[in-house]
């Protein structure tokens, strides 16, 4: 995984990360191997856990289950 890839993931908000996770096509490279571990385990879940529960729920509602905005 490159520093540029890490920087791209690190620079996204929890809402952006959640959106990409929710709407990515099955088997998307971003969620495989080292990249997937970094995305989920280190960044997305850390950002989620840093938010109050009400903000986690709000982000989920904003992202919804409709058509993707920026995948």
Protein backbone atom coordinates (compact mmCIF):
# COMPACT_ATOMS: atom_id res chain seq x y z
CA UNK A 1 0.00 0.00 0.00
CA UNK A 2 1.42 3.37 -0.98
CA UNK A 3 1.63 6.50 1.12
CA UNK A 4 -0.65 8.22 -1.41
CA UNK A 5 -3.32 5.52 -0.94
CA UNK A 6 -3.08 5.87 2.84
CA UNK A 7 -3.31 9.66 2.58
CA UNK A 8 -6.42 9.39 0.41
CA UNK A 9 -8.14 7.13 2.94
CA UNK A 10 -6.95 9.21 5.91
CA UNK A 11 -8.27 12.40 4.33
CA UNK A 12 -11.85 11.19 4.07
CA UNK A 13 -14.53 11.77 6.67
CA UNK A 14 -16.34 8.90 8.34
CA UNK A 15 -19.38 9.67 6.19
CA UNK A 16 -17.31 9.46 3.00
CA UNK A 17 -15.68 6.21 4.09
CA UNK A 18 -19.05 4.72 5.05
CA UNK A 19 -20.54 5.72 1.72
CA UNK A 20 -17.74 4.11 -0.25
CA UNK A 21 -17.95 0.96 1.90
CA UNK A 22 -21.72 0.70 1.55
CA UNK A 23 -21.84 1.20 -2.21
CA UNK A 24 -18.61 -0.34 -3.48
CA UNK A 25 -19.03 -3.19 -5.92
CA UNK A 26 -18.54 -6.67 -4.55
CA UNK A 27 -14.84 -7.54 -4.47
CA UNK A 28 -13.66 -3.93 -4.80
CA UNK A 29 -9.86 -3.72 -4.57
CA UNK A 30 -10.08 -1.02 -1.89
CA UNK A 31 -11.46 -3.57 0.56
CA UNK A 32 -9.04 -6.42 -0.16
CA UNK A 33 -5.83 -7.41 1.64
CA UNK A 34 -3.64 -4.79 3.28
CA UNK A 35 -5.71 -1.92 1.84
CA UNK A 36 -8.92 -3.40 3.21
CA UNK A 37 -7.40 -3.97 6.64
CA UNK A 38 -6.15 -0.39 6.74
CA UNK A 39 -9.44 1.03 5.50
CA UNK A 40 -11.64 -0.89 7.94
CA UNK A 41 -9.59 -1.73 10.98
CA UNK A 42 -7.45 1.33 11.27
CA UNK A 43 -9.27 4.25 9.71
CA UNK A 44 -13.01 3.80 9.23
CA UNK A 45 -13.66 2.10 12.54
CA UNK A 46 -11.36 4.51 14.41
CA UNK A 47 -13.23 7.48 12.94
CA UNK A 48 -16.57 5.85 13.77
CA UNK A 49 -15.51 5.12 17.35
CA UNK A 50 -14.34 8.71 17.81
CA UNK A 51 -17.87 9.99 17.12
CA UNK A 52 -20.73 10.08 19.60
CA UNK A 53 -23.33 7.41 18.82
CA UNK A 54 -25.86 10.01 17.61
CA UNK A 55 -23.35 11.25 15.00
CA UNK A 56 -22.67 7.69 13.85
CA UNK A 57 -26.40 7.18 13.32
CA UNK A 58 -26.73 10.54 11.57
CA UNK A 59 -23.92 9.66 9.14
CA UNK A 60 -25.59 6.34 8.37
CA UNK A 61 -28.91 8.08 7.69
CA UNK A 62 -27.24 10.66 5.44
CA UNK A 63 -25.47 7.96 3.44
CA UNK A 64 -28.68 5.92 3.22
CA UNK A 65 -29.11 3.01 0.84
CA UNK A 66 -29.93 5.00 -2.31
CA UNK A 67 -27.72 5.53 -5.32
CA UNK A 68 -24.02 6.24 -4.67
CA UNK A 69 -22.75 9.80 -4.82
CA UNK A 70 -19.00 9.36 -5.10
CA UNK A 71 -17.95 5.74 -5.47
